[in-house]
Amino acid sequence: PSDATVADATGVGTIVDDELLPVIDIDEPTASEGSGSIVFSVTLSHQSASTVTVGWSTAAGTATNGTDYVDSNGTVTFAPMDTSETVEITVNEDGTFEHDETMAVNLANASGAPIGDTQGVGIIANDDDAPGLSVGDVSVVEGNTGPKMLTFPVSLTGDTDIDATFDFATAGLTAAQGTDYADAAGTLTIPAGDTGAT
């Protein structure tokens, strides 16, 4: 400079970050109980220049902790520019026919980003066959006086946690309906845990 002195030779320019913080979300997966695990995807809506963390823990739904899955917890860490991580929960196999069951992973205590969806509900799908249903053969001596009852045993083969309901109806083979037997029809339920009925 001429005819002046420099008081401050450096000007500092500031670039203001106008990007919104990413949002943390978790999905709702499905896995068969025989797969050994169910995997939840935890994601950021967009990249972050900073590390993002979020805590997680399992919670029971219709599935039972310890029986259907292994209770666990931990922390998901997103390194800078990372947008996807996973949480894997151990699933226990059994041999029981049952309804599909649910359990959840809850998110909490986030750092570096807000949580959008605090809970992901996972479905543990049954992969066991329905029990087999069979009816046994019976016989009765008709006699000469009064009606006699034929009681047919019905049995289930295989474990089930679901009531088994079925319709039944009589059908003539060599016996004649109305002359040799009275027609009958209805619905029978075998409660879960039982193996038979009549």
N, C-alpha and C. Protein backbone atom coordinates (compact mmCIF):
# COMPACT_ATOMS: atom_id res chain seq x y z
N PRO A 1 0.84 -1.21 0.00
CA PRO A 1 0.00 0.00 0.00
C PRO A 1 0.86 1.24 0.00
N SER A 2 0.29 2.30 -0.49
CA SER A 2 0.98 3.59 -0.49
C SER A 2 0.22 4.56 0.38
N ASP A 3 0.94 5.24 1.19
CA ASP A 3 0.37 6.24 2.09
C ASP A 3 -0.62 5.62 3.09
N ALA A 4 -0.43 4.34 3.42
CA ALA A 4 -1.28 3.68 4.43
C ALA A 4 -0.54 2.48 4.99
N THR A 5 -0.96 2.03 6.13
CA THR A 5 -0.40 0.80 6.72
C THR A 5 -1.49 -0.26 6.77
N VAL A 6 -1.07 -1.50 6.71
CA VAL A 6 -2.01 -2.63 6.74
C VAL A 6 -2.32 -2.99 8.18
N ALA A 7 -3.57 -2.84 8.57
CA ALA A 7 -3.96 -3.20 9.94
C ALA A 7 -4.30 -4.68 10.04
N ASP A 8 -4.94 -5.22 9.01
CA ASP A 8 -5.33 -6.64 9.02
C ASP A 8 -5.19 -7.16 7.60
N ALA A 9 -4.23 -8.02 7.37
CA ALA A 9 -3.91 -8.46 6.02
C ALA A 9 -4.71 -9.67 5.56
N THR A 10 -5.50 -10.25 6.45
CA THR A 10 -6.23 -11.48 6.11
C THR A 10 -7.72 -11.31 6.37
N GLY A 11 -8.51 -11.61 5.34
CA GLY A 11 -9.97 -11.64 5.50
C GLY A 11 -10.44 -13.08 5.55
N VAL A 12 -11.24 -13.44 6.52
CA VAL A 12 -11.73 -14.81 6.70
C VAL A 12 -13.14 -14.93 6.17
N GLY A 13 -13.32 -15.84 5.25
CA GLY A 13 -14.67 -16.11 4.72
C GLY A 13 -15.25 -17.36 5.37
N THR A 14 -16.51 -17.35 5.75
CA THR A 14 -17.18 -18.48 6.39
C THR A 14 -18.23 -19.07 5.46
N ILE A 15 -18.11 -20.35 5.19
CA ILE A 15 -19.11 -21.06 4.41
C ILE A 15 -20.08 -21.71 5.38
N VAL A 16 -21.29 -21.23 5.41
CA VAL A 16 -22.28 -21.73 6.37
C VAL A 16 -22.92 -23.01 5.84
N ASP A 17 -22.88 -24.06 6.65
CA ASP A 17 -23.50 -25.32 6.27
C ASP A 17 -25.02 -25.20 6.41
N ASP A 18 -25.71 -25.31 5.29
CA ASP A 18 -27.17 -25.18 5.33
C ASP A 18 -27.88 -26.52 5.13
N GLU A 19 -27.10 -27.61 5.25
CA GLU A 19 -27.70 -28.94 5.13
C GLU A 19 -28.38 -29.31 6.45
N LEU A 20 -29.57 -29.88 6.36
CA LEU A 20 -30.25 -30.38 7.55
C LEU A 20 -29.56 -31.63 8.06
N LEU A 21 -29.68 -31.87 9.37
CA LEU A 21 -29.13 -33.10 9.92
C LEU A 21 -29.83 -34.31 9.30
N PRO A 22 -29.11 -35.41 9.09
CA PRO A 22 -29.78 -36.62 8.60
C PRO A 22 -30.73 -37.17 9.68
N VAL A 23 -31.67 -37.97 9.27
CA VAL A 23 -32.63 -38.58 10.19
C VAL A 23 -32.38 -40.08 10.25
N ILE A 24 -32.42 -40.65 11.46
CA ILE A 24 -32.18 -42.08 11.65
C ILE A 24 -33.50 -42.84 11.56
N ASP A 25 -33.52 -43.90 10.76
CA ASP A 25 -34.72 -44.74 10.63
C ASP A 25 -34.34 -46.22 10.74
N ILE A 26 -35.35 -47.04 10.99
CA ILE A 26 -35.14 -48.50 11.07
C ILE A 26 -36.27 -49.19 10.31
N ASP A 27 -35.96 -50.30 9.65
CA ASP A 27 -36.97 -50.97 8.83
C ASP A 27 -37.73 -52.03 9.64
N GLU A 28 -38.60 -52.78 8.97
CA GLU A 28 -39.43 -53.80 9.60
C GLU A 28 -39.29 -55.10 8.81
N PRO A 29 -38.28 -55.90 9.14
CA PRO A 29 -37.97 -57.09 8.34
C PRO A 29 -38.81 -58.30 8.73
N THR A 30 -38.75 -59.32 7.88
CA THR A 30 -39.35 -60.62 8.15
C THR A 30 -38.30 -61.69 7.94
N ALA A 31 -38.26 -62.67 8.85
CA ALA A 31 -37.34 -63.80 8.71
C ALA A 31 -38.02 -65.05 9.24
N SER A 32 -37.74 -66.19 8.63
CA SER A 32 -38.28 -67.45 9.15
C SER A 32 -37.53 -67.84 10.40
N GLU A 33 -38.21 -68.54 11.29
CA GLU A 33 -37.57 -68.92 12.55
C GLU A 33 -36.38 -69.85 12.32
N GLY A 34 -36.39 -70.56 11.20
CA GLY A 34 -35.28 -71.46 10.90
C GLY A 34 -34.07 -70.77 10.31
N SER A 35 -34.16 -69.47 10.04
CA SER A 35 -33.04 -68.75 9.42
C SER A 35 -31.92 -68.47 10.41
N GLY A 36 -32.23 -68.53 11.70
CA GLY A 36 -31.19 -68.30 12.72
C GLY A 36 -31.07 -66.88 13.19
N SER A 37 -31.54 -65.92 12.40
CA SER A 37 -31.46 -64.52 12.82
C SER A 37 -32.43 -63.67 12.01
N ILE A 38 -32.72 -62.50 12.55
CA ILE A 38 -33.50 -61.50 11.84
C ILE A 38 -32.68 -60.22 11.82
N VAL A 39 -32.56 -59.59 10.66
CA VAL A 39 -31.64 -58.47 10.47
C VAL A 39 -32.43 -57.19 10.20
N PHE A 40 -32.22 -56.20 11.07
CA PHE A 40 -32.85 -54.88 10.92
C PHE A 40 -31.85 -53.93 10.26
N SER A 41 -32.32 -53.16 9.30
CA SER A 41 -31.49 -52.13 8.66
C SER A 41 -31.74 -50.79 9.34
N VAL A 42 -30.68 -50.18 9.82
CA VAL A 42 -30.76 -48.84 10.42
C VAL A 42 -30.06 -47.89 9.45
N THR A 43 -30.76 -46.83 9.06
CA THR A 43 -30.24 -45.97 7.99
C THR A 43 -30.30 -44.49 8.36
N LEU A 44 -29.46 -43.72 7.67
CA LEU A 44 -29.52 -42.26 7.72
C LEU A 44 -30.14 -41.76 6.42
N SER A 45 -30.94 -40.72 6.53
CA SER A 45 -31.62 -40.20 5.34
C SER A 45 -30.63 -39.62 4.34
N HIS A 46 -29.50 -39.11 4.79
CA HIS A 46 -28.42 -38.69 3.89
C HIS A 46 -27.10 -38.68 4.65
N GLN A 47 -26.02 -38.48 3.94
CA GLN A 47 -24.69 -38.55 4.54
C GLN A 47 -24.46 -37.43 5.55
N SER A 48 -23.60 -37.73 6.51
CA SER A 48 -23.19 -36.75 7.50
C SER A 48 -21.66 -36.68 7.52
N ALA A 49 -21.13 -35.49 7.69
CA ALA A 49 -19.67 -35.34 7.77
C ALA A 49 -19.16 -35.74 9.14
N SER A 50 -20.07 -35.93 10.09
CA SER A 50 -19.69 -36.29 11.46
C SER A 50 -20.17 -37.70 11.79
N THR A 51 -19.57 -38.27 12.82
CA THR A 51 -20.01 -39.59 13.29
C THR A 51 -21.38 -39.49 13.95
N VAL A 52 -22.24 -40.45 13.65
CA VAL A 52 -23.59 -40.52 14.23
C VAL A 52 -23.72 -41.85 14.98
N THR A 53 -24.28 -41.82 16.18
CA THR A 53 -24.50 -43.04 16.94
C THR A 53 -25.94 -43.08 17.44
N VAL A 54 -26.43 -44.30 17.65
CA VAL A 54 -27.77 -44.48 18.23
C VAL A 54 -27.80 -45.81 18.98
N GLY A 55 -28.39 -45.80 20.17
CA GLY A 55 -28.52 -47.03 20.94
C GLY A 55 -29.74 -47.83 20.51
N TRP A 56 -29.68 -49.14 20.70
CA TRP A 56 -30.80 -50.00 20.35
C TRP A 56 -30.98 -51.09 21.40
N SER A 57 -32.21 -51.59 21.51
CA SER A 57 -32.52 -52.71 22.41
C SER A 57 -33.73 -53.45 21.88
N THR A 58 -33.78 -54.76 22.15
CA THR A 58 -34.91 -55.57 21.70
C THR A 58 -36.09 -55.45 22.66
N ALA A 59 -37.28 -55.74 22.15
CA ALA A 59 -38.50 -55.73 22.96
C ALA A 59 -39.44 -56.81 22.44
N ALA A 60 -40.11 -57.48 23.34
CA ALA A 60 -41.02 -58.56 22.95
C ALA A 60 -42.31 -58.00 22.38
N GLY A 61 -42.82 -58.71 21.38
CA GLY A 61 -44.18 -58.46 20.88
C GLY A 61 -44.98 -59.70 21.20
N THR A 62 -45.43 -60.43 20.17
CA THR A 62 -46.05 -61.72 20.42
C THR A 62 -45.01 -62.82 20.56
N ALA A 63 -43.78 -62.56 20.13
CA ALA A 63 -42.67 -63.49 20.34
C ALA A 63 -42.16 -63.35 21.78
N THR A 64 -41.63 -64.43 22.31
CA THR A 64 -41.19 -64.47 23.70
C THR A 64 -39.67 -64.41 23.77
N ASN A 65 -39.17 -63.47 24.57
CA ASN A 65 -37.73 -63.34 24.80
C ASN A 65 -37.21 -64.63 25.44
N GLY A 66 -36.13 -65.15 24.88
CA GLY A 66 -35.52 -66.35 25.43
C GLY A 66 -36.01 -67.62 24.78
N THR A 67 -37.27 -67.61 24.33
CA THR A 67 -37.85 -68.78 23.66
C THR A 67 -37.80 -68.62 22.14
N ASP A 68 -38.25 -67.47 21.67
CA ASP A 68 -38.32 -67.23 20.22
C ASP A 68 -37.14 -66.43 19.69
N TYR A 69 -36.54 -65.59 20.53
CA TYR A 69 -35.38 -64.79 20.12
C TYR A 69 -34.53 -64.50 21.34
N VAL A 70 -33.32 -64.00 21.10
CA VAL A 70 -32.39 -63.70 22.18
C VAL A 70 -32.38 -62.20 22.45
N ASP A 71 -32.74 -61.82 23.67
CA ASP A 71 -32.76 -60.41 24.07
C ASP A 71 -31.35 -59.84 23.97
N SER A 72 -31.23 -58.63 23.42
CA SER A 72 -29.90 -58.03 23.26
C SER A 72 -30.02 -56.52 23.10
N ASN A 73 -28.90 -55.84 23.17
CA ASN A 73 -28.86 -54.39 23.00
C ASN A 73 -27.47 -53.98 22.56
N GLY A 74 -27.33 -52.73 22.13
CA GLY A 74 -26.03 -52.26 21.67
C GLY A 74 -26.12 -50.86 21.11
N THR A 75 -25.11 -50.50 20.33
CA THR A 75 -25.04 -49.17 19.72
C THR A 75 -24.67 -49.30 18.25
N VAL A 76 -25.39 -48.59 17.41
CA VAL A 76 -25.06 -48.51 15.99
C VAL A 76 -24.22 -47.24 15.78
N THR A 77 -23.10 -47.38 15.08
CA THR A 77 -22.23 -46.24 14.79
C THR A 77 -22.12 -46.04 13.28
N PHE A 78 -22.45 -44.83 12.83
CA PHE A 78 -22.27 -44.45 11.43
C PHE A 78 -21.01 -43.61 11.33
N ALA A 79 -20.00 -44.11 10.63
CA ALA A 79 -18.81 -43.31 10.36
C ALA A 79 -19.19 -42.17 9.42
N PRO A 80 -18.40 -41.10 9.37
CA PRO A 80 -18.71 -40.01 8.44
C PRO A 80 -18.94 -40.54 7.01
N MET A 81 -20.00 -40.08 6.38
CA MET A 81 -20.44 -40.43 5.03
C MET A 81 -21.12 -41.80 4.94
N ASP A 82 -21.18 -42.54 6.04
CA ASP A 82 -21.86 -43.84 6.06
C ASP A 82 -23.36 -43.62 6.26
N THR A 83 -24.20 -44.37 5.56
CA THR A 83 -25.65 -44.17 5.69
C THR A 83 -26.43 -45.44 6.02
N SER A 84 -25.75 -46.58 6.15
CA SER A 84 -26.50 -47.82 6.39
C SER A 84 -25.72 -48.78 7.28
N GLU A 85 -26.37 -49.26 8.33
CA GLU A 85 -25.81 -50.27 9.21
C GLU A 85 -26.90 -51.29 9.53
N THR A 86 -26.54 -52.39 10.18
CA THR A 86 -27.52 -53.43 10.50
C THR A 86 -27.44 -53.83 11.97
N VAL A 87 -28.56 -54.33 12.46
CA VAL A 87 -28.65 -54.94 13.79
C VAL A 87 -29.18 -56.35 13.58
N GLU A 88 -28.42 -57.35 14.01
CA GLU A 88 -28.79 -58.75 13.81
C GLU A 88 -29.19 -59.37 15.15
N ILE A 89 -30.39 -59.95 15.19
CA ILE A 89 -30.92 -60.56 16.40
C ILE A 89 -31.04 -62.07 16.18
N THR A 90 -30.56 -62.85 17.13
CA THR A 90 -30.65 -64.31 17.03
C THR A 90 -32.08 -64.78 17.22
N VAL A 91 -32.52 -65.67 16.32
CA VAL A 91 -33.86 -66.25 16.37
C VAL A 91 -33.73 -67.74 16.67
N ASN A 92 -34.59 -68.23 17.57
CA ASN A 92 -34.54 -69.64 17.97
C ASN A 92 -35.53 -70.48 17.17
N GLU A 93 -35.05 -71.60 16.66
CA GLU A 93 -35.89 -72.53 15.90
C GLU A 93 -36.65 -73.44 16.86
N ASP A 94 -37.85 -73.85 16.49
CA ASP A 94 -38.58 -74.88 17.23
C ASP A 94 -39.33 -75.75 16.24
N GLY A 95 -39.99 -76.79 16.74
CA GLY A 95 -40.71 -77.69 15.86
C GLY A 95 -42.21 -77.57 16.01
N THR A 96 -42.69 -76.43 16.49
CA THR A 96 -44.10 -76.24 16.79
C THR A 96 -44.79 -75.39 15.72
N PHE A 97 -45.91 -75.87 15.21
CA PHE A 97 -46.72 -75.09 14.27
C PHE A 97 -47.38 -73.97 15.06
N GLU A 98 -47.23 -72.73 14.60
CA GLU A 98 -47.72 -71.58 15.35
C GLU A 98 -47.96 -70.41 14.41
N HIS A 99 -48.61 -69.37 14.94
CA HIS A 99 -48.78 -68.15 14.17
C HIS A 99 -47.42 -67.46 14.00
N ASP A 100 -47.29 -66.63 12.96
CA ASP A 100 -46.13 -65.75 12.86
C ASP A 100 -46.10 -64.86 14.11
N GLU A 101 -44.90 -64.54 14.58
CA GLU A 101 -44.76 -63.78 15.82
C GLU A 101 -43.93 -62.52 15.59
N THR A 102 -44.08 -61.56 16.48
CA THR A 102 -43.39 -60.27 16.31
C THR A 102 -42.48 -59.96 17.49
N MET A 103 -41.41 -59.25 17.20
CA MET A 103 -40.55 -58.66 18.21
C MET A 103 -40.05 -57.34 17.63
N ALA A 104 -39.46 -56.50 18.45
CA ALA A 104 -39.09 -55.16 17.98
C ALA A 104 -37.67 -54.80 18.40
N VAL A 105 -37.11 -53.85 17.66
CA VAL A 105 -35.87 -53.17 18.05
C VAL A 105 -36.19 -51.70 18.25
N ASN A 106 -35.94 -51.20 19.44
CA ASN A 106 -36.19 -49.80 19.77
C ASN A 106 -34.91 -48.99 19.68
N LEU A 107 -35.00 -47.78 19.13
CA LEU A 107 -33.86 -46.87 19.03
C LEU A 107 -33.98 -45.77 20.07
N ALA A 108 -32.84 -45.36 20.64
CA ALA A 108 -32.85 -44.28 21.65
C ALA A 108 -31.44 -43.72 21.79
N ASN A 109 -31.36 -42.59 22.47
CA ASN A 109 -30.06 -41.98 22.83
C ASN A 109 -29.16 -41.75 21.61
N ALA A 110 -29.70 -41.04 20.64
CA ALA A 110 -28.94 -40.75 19.42
C ALA A 110 -28.00 -39.57 19.64
N SER A 111 -26.91 -39.58 18.89
CA SER A 111 -25.96 -38.47 18.90
C SER A 111 -25.59 -38.14 17.47
N GLY A 112 -25.71 -36.88 17.08
CA GLY A 112 -25.32 -36.45 15.74
C GLY A 112 -26.46 -36.41 14.76
N ALA A 113 -27.62 -36.93 15.13
CA ALA A 113 -28.79 -36.92 14.24
C ALA A 113 -30.02 -37.27 15.06
N PRO A 114 -31.18 -36.75 14.67
CA PRO A 114 -32.42 -37.11 15.36
C PRO A 114 -32.94 -38.46 14.88
N ILE A 115 -33.77 -39.10 15.70
CA ILE A 115 -34.39 -40.37 15.34
C ILE A 115 -35.75 -40.08 14.70
N GLY A 116 -35.96 -40.65 13.52
CA GLY A 116 -37.26 -40.49 12.87
C GLY A 116 -38.23 -41.57 13.31
N ASP A 117 -37.84 -42.82 13.15
CA ASP A 117 -38.66 -43.97 13.53
C ASP A 117 -37.99 -44.64 14.71
N THR A 118 -38.63 -44.60 15.88
CA THR A 118 -37.99 -45.10 17.09
C THR A 118 -38.09 -46.61 17.25
N GLN A 119 -38.95 -47.26 16.45
CA GLN A 119 -39.14 -48.71 16.61
C GLN A 119 -39.31 -49.40 15.28
N GLY A 120 -38.58 -50.51 15.11
CA GLY A 120 -38.79 -51.39 13.97
C GLY A 120 -39.37 -52.71 14.45
N VAL A 121 -40.50 -53.11 13.89
CA VAL A 121 -41.16 -54.36 14.28
C VAL A 121 -40.77 -55.45 13.29
N GLY A 122 -40.19 -56.52 13.81
CA GLY A 122 -39.80 -57.65 12.96
C GLY A 122 -40.77 -58.80 13.09
N ILE A 123 -40.98 -59.51 12.00
CA ILE A 123 -41.87 -60.68 12.00
C ILE A 123 -41.02 -61.95 11.91
N ILE A 124 -41.21 -62.84 12.89
CA ILE A 124 -40.58 -64.16 12.86
C ILE A 124 -41.62 -65.12 12.30
N ALA A 125 -41.41 -65.55 11.08
CA ALA A 125 -42.41 -66.35 10.36
C ALA A 125 -42.29 -67.83 10.71
N ASN A 126 -43.44 -68.45 10.97
CA ASN A 126 -43.46 -69.89 11.22
C ASN A 126 -43.02 -70.65 9.98
N ASP A 127 -42.20 -71.68 10.18
CA ASP A 127 -41.79 -72.51 9.04
C ASP A 127 -42.02 -74.00 9.31
N ASP A 128 -42.88 -74.27 10.30
CA ASP A 128 -43.20 -75.66 10.63
C ASP A 128 -44.53 -76.07 9.99
N ASP A 129 -44.63 -77.33 9.60
CA ASP A 129 -45.85 -77.82 8.95
C ASP A 129 -46.99 -77.94 9.95
N ALA A 130 -48.20 -77.76 9.45
CA ALA A 130 -49.38 -77.97 10.28
C ALA A 130 -49.45 -79.45 10.68
N PRO A 131 -50.00 -79.74 11.87
CA PRO A 131 -50.09 -81.14 12.29
C PRO A 131 -51.03 -81.93 11.40
N GLY A 132 -50.79 -83.24 11.33
CA GLY A 132 -51.67 -84.10 10.54
C GLY A 132 -52.91 -84.48 11.33
N LEU A 133 -54.02 -84.62 10.64
CA LEU A 133 -55.30 -84.95 11.24
C LEU A 133 -55.77 -86.29 10.71
N SER A 134 -56.15 -87.21 11.61
CA SER A 134 -56.62 -88.52 11.16
C SER A 134 -57.77 -89.00 12.03
N VAL A 135 -58.65 -89.79 11.42
CA VAL A 135 -59.79 -90.36 12.14
C VAL A 135 -59.65 -91.87 12.15
N GLY A 136 -59.92 -92.46 13.30
CA GLY A 136 -59.75 -93.90 13.45
C GLY A 136 -60.99 -94.68 13.07
N ASP A 137 -60.82 -95.97 12.81
CA ASP A 137 -61.92 -96.87 12.50
C ASP A 137 -62.51 -97.42 13.81
N VAL A 138 -63.81 -97.62 13.83
CA VAL A 138 -64.49 -98.19 15.00
C VAL A 138 -65.55 -99.18 14.53
N SER A 139 -66.03 -100.00 15.44
CA SER A 139 -67.11 -100.94 15.12
C SER A 139 -68.02 -101.09 16.32
N VAL A 140 -69.24 -101.50 16.06
CA VAL A 140 -70.20 -101.73 17.14
C VAL A 140 -71.16 -102.83 16.68
N VAL A 141 -71.58 -103.64 17.63
CA VAL A 141 -72.60 -104.66 17.35
C VAL A 141 -73.96 -103.98 17.44
N GLU A 142 -74.73 -104.02 16.35
CA GLU A 142 -75.97 -103.25 16.32
C GLU A 142 -77.03 -103.76 17.29
N GLY A 143 -77.08 -105.05 17.56
CA GLY A 143 -78.08 -105.59 18.49
C GLY A 143 -79.49 -105.50 17.94
N ASN A 144 -80.45 -105.84 18.79
CA ASN A 144 -81.84 -105.87 18.36
C ASN A 144 -82.72 -104.81 19.01
N THR A 145 -82.19 -104.10 19.99
CA THR A 145 -83.00 -103.08 20.69
C THR A 145 -82.21 -101.80 20.85
N GLY A 146 -82.85 -100.70 20.51
CA GLY A 146 -82.30 -99.37 20.76
C GLY A 146 -81.09 -99.03 19.91
N PRO A 147 -80.79 -97.73 19.83
CA PRO A 147 -79.63 -97.28 19.05
C PRO A 147 -78.32 -97.51 19.81
N LYS A 148 -77.28 -97.63 19.09
CA LYS A 148 -75.92 -97.73 19.63
C LYS A 148 -75.11 -96.55 19.10
N MET A 149 -74.12 -96.14 19.89
CA MET A 149 -73.28 -95.01 19.49
C MET A 149 -71.96 -95.49 18.91
N LEU A 150 -71.58 -94.91 17.82
CA LEU A 150 -70.23 -95.10 17.27
C LEU A 150 -69.42 -93.84 17.59
N THR A 151 -68.34 -94.01 18.33
CA THR A 151 -67.50 -92.88 18.70
C THR A 151 -66.18 -92.98 17.95
N PHE A 152 -65.97 -92.05 17.03
CA PHE A 152 -64.77 -92.07 16.20
C PHE A 152 -63.67 -91.23 16.85
N PRO A 153 -62.49 -91.80 17.07
CA PRO A 153 -61.38 -90.99 17.62
C PRO A 153 -60.70 -90.18 16.51
N VAL A 154 -60.45 -88.92 16.81
CA VAL A 154 -59.73 -88.05 15.88
C VAL A 154 -58.43 -87.62 16.56
N SER A 155 -57.32 -87.74 15.87
CA SER A 155 -56.03 -87.44 16.49
C SER A 155 -55.19 -86.49 15.63
N LEU A 156 -54.32 -85.76 16.32
CA LEU A 156 -53.36 -84.86 15.67
C LEU A 156 -51.97 -85.44 15.81
N THR A 157 -51.18 -85.32 14.77
CA THR A 157 -49.78 -85.73 14.81
C THR A 157 -48.91 -84.52 14.55
N GLY A 158 -48.10 -84.13 15.55
CA GLY A 158 -47.25 -82.95 15.43
C GLY A 158 -47.61 -81.90 16.46
N ASP A 159 -46.62 -81.11 16.87
CA ASP A 159 -46.84 -80.07 17.88
C ASP A 159 -47.50 -78.85 17.27
N THR A 160 -48.42 -78.25 18.01
CA THR A 160 -49.08 -77.03 17.54
C THR A 160 -49.45 -76.14 18.70
N ASP A 161 -49.34 -74.84 18.49
CA ASP A 161 -49.80 -73.84 19.45
C ASP A 161 -51.11 -73.20 18.99
N ILE A 162 -51.74 -73.79 17.99
CA ILE A 162 -52.95 -73.23 17.40
C ILE A 162 -54.08 -74.25 17.52
N ASP A 163 -55.26 -73.81 17.94
CA ASP A 163 -56.42 -74.71 17.96
C ASP A 163 -56.67 -75.26 16.56
N ALA A 164 -56.95 -76.56 16.49
CA ALA A 164 -57.26 -77.21 15.21
C ALA A 164 -58.77 -77.37 15.10
N THR A 165 -59.38 -76.73 14.12
CA THR A 165 -60.83 -76.79 13.93
C THR A 165 -61.14 -77.39 12.56
N PHE A 166 -62.09 -78.32 12.54
CA PHE A 166 -62.43 -78.97 11.27
C PHE A 166 -63.91 -79.35 11.27
N ASP A 167 -64.47 -79.51 10.08
CA ASP A 167 -65.84 -79.96 9.91
C ASP A 167 -65.87 -81.46 9.69
N PHE A 168 -66.95 -82.08 10.11
CA PHE A 168 -67.10 -83.51 9.87
C PHE A 168 -68.53 -83.80 9.40
N ALA A 169 -68.69 -84.93 8.71
CA ALA A 169 -70.01 -85.36 8.25
C ALA A 169 -69.96 -86.86 8.00
N THR A 170 -71.06 -87.53 8.28
CA THR A 170 -71.13 -88.96 8.01
C THR A 170 -71.39 -89.20 6.52
N ALA A 171 -71.02 -90.39 6.08
CA ALA A 171 -71.25 -90.79 4.69
C ALA A 171 -71.46 -92.30 4.66
N GLY A 172 -72.46 -92.74 3.93
CA GLY A 172 -72.76 -94.17 3.83
C GLY A 172 -71.82 -94.90 2.90
N LEU A 173 -71.38 -96.06 3.33
CA LEU A 173 -70.64 -96.96 2.44
C LEU A 173 -71.57 -98.15 2.14
N THR A 174 -71.49 -99.22 2.92
CA THR A 174 -72.46 -100.31 2.74
C THR A 174 -73.67 -100.15 3.66
N ALA A 175 -73.52 -99.27 4.69
CA ALA A 175 -74.66 -98.98 5.57
C ALA A 175 -75.52 -97.89 4.95
N ALA A 176 -76.82 -97.96 5.22
CA ALA A 176 -77.75 -97.01 4.62
C ALA A 176 -78.13 -95.94 5.64
N GLN A 177 -78.01 -94.70 5.26
CA GLN A 177 -78.39 -93.58 6.13
C GLN A 177 -79.90 -93.62 6.38
N GLY A 178 -80.28 -93.46 7.62
CA GLY A 178 -81.68 -93.48 8.00
C GLY A 178 -82.16 -94.85 8.41
N THR A 179 -81.58 -95.89 7.81
CA THR A 179 -81.96 -97.26 8.17
C THR A 179 -80.95 -97.87 9.14
N ASP A 180 -79.67 -97.73 8.79
CA ASP A 180 -78.61 -98.32 9.62
C ASP A 180 -77.95 -97.30 10.55
N TYR A 181 -77.98 -96.05 10.20
CA TYR A 181 -77.37 -95.04 11.06
C TYR A 181 -78.07 -93.70 10.84
N ALA A 182 -77.94 -92.83 11.82
CA ALA A 182 -78.50 -91.47 11.72
C ALA A 182 -77.42 -90.53 11.21
N ASP A 183 -77.77 -89.73 10.23
CA ASP A 183 -76.83 -88.78 9.65
C ASP A 183 -76.37 -87.79 10.71
N ALA A 184 -75.11 -87.39 10.66
CA ALA A 184 -74.57 -86.42 11.62
C ALA A 184 -73.53 -85.55 10.93
N ALA A 185 -73.44 -84.32 11.36
CA ALA A 185 -72.45 -83.37 10.82
C ALA A 185 -72.21 -82.30 11.87
N GLY A 186 -71.07 -81.64 11.78
CA GLY A 186 -70.77 -80.58 12.74
C GLY A 186 -69.36 -80.09 12.61
N THR A 187 -68.91 -79.39 13.64
CA THR A 187 -67.56 -78.82 13.69
C THR A 187 -66.93 -79.23 15.01
N LEU A 188 -65.70 -79.63 14.96
CA LEU A 188 -64.98 -80.06 16.16
C LEU A 188 -63.68 -79.26 16.28
N THR A 189 -63.34 -78.87 17.50
CA THR A 189 -62.09 -78.15 17.75
C THR A 189 -61.24 -78.93 18.74
N ILE A 190 -59.98 -79.12 18.37
CA ILE A 190 -58.99 -79.72 19.27
C ILE A 190 -58.13 -78.57 19.79
N PRO A 191 -58.21 -78.27 21.08
CA PRO A 191 -57.45 -77.12 21.60
C PRO A 191 -55.94 -77.30 21.45
N ALA A 192 -55.25 -76.19 21.33
CA ALA A 192 -53.78 -76.22 21.24
C ALA A 192 -53.23 -76.97 22.45
N GLY A 193 -52.30 -77.86 22.20
CA GLY A 193 -51.71 -78.64 23.27
C GLY A 193 -52.31 -80.01 23.42
N ASP A 194 -53.57 -80.20 22.96
CA ASP A 194 -54.20 -81.51 22.99
C ASP A 194 -53.84 -82.27 21.72
N THR A 195 -53.98 -83.59 21.79
CA THR A 195 -53.60 -84.40 20.63
C THR A 195 -54.76 -85.16 20.03
N GLY A 196 -55.96 -85.00 20.59
CA GLY A 196 -57.07 -85.74 20.03
C GLY A 196 -58.41 -85.33 20.59
N ALA A 197 -59.49 -85.87 19.98
CA ALA A 197 -60.86 -85.62 20.41
C ALA A 197 -61.72 -86.73 19.81
N THR A 198 -63.02 -86.72 20.16
CA THR A 198 -63.94 -87.72 19.59
C THR A 198 -65.21 -87.02 19.12
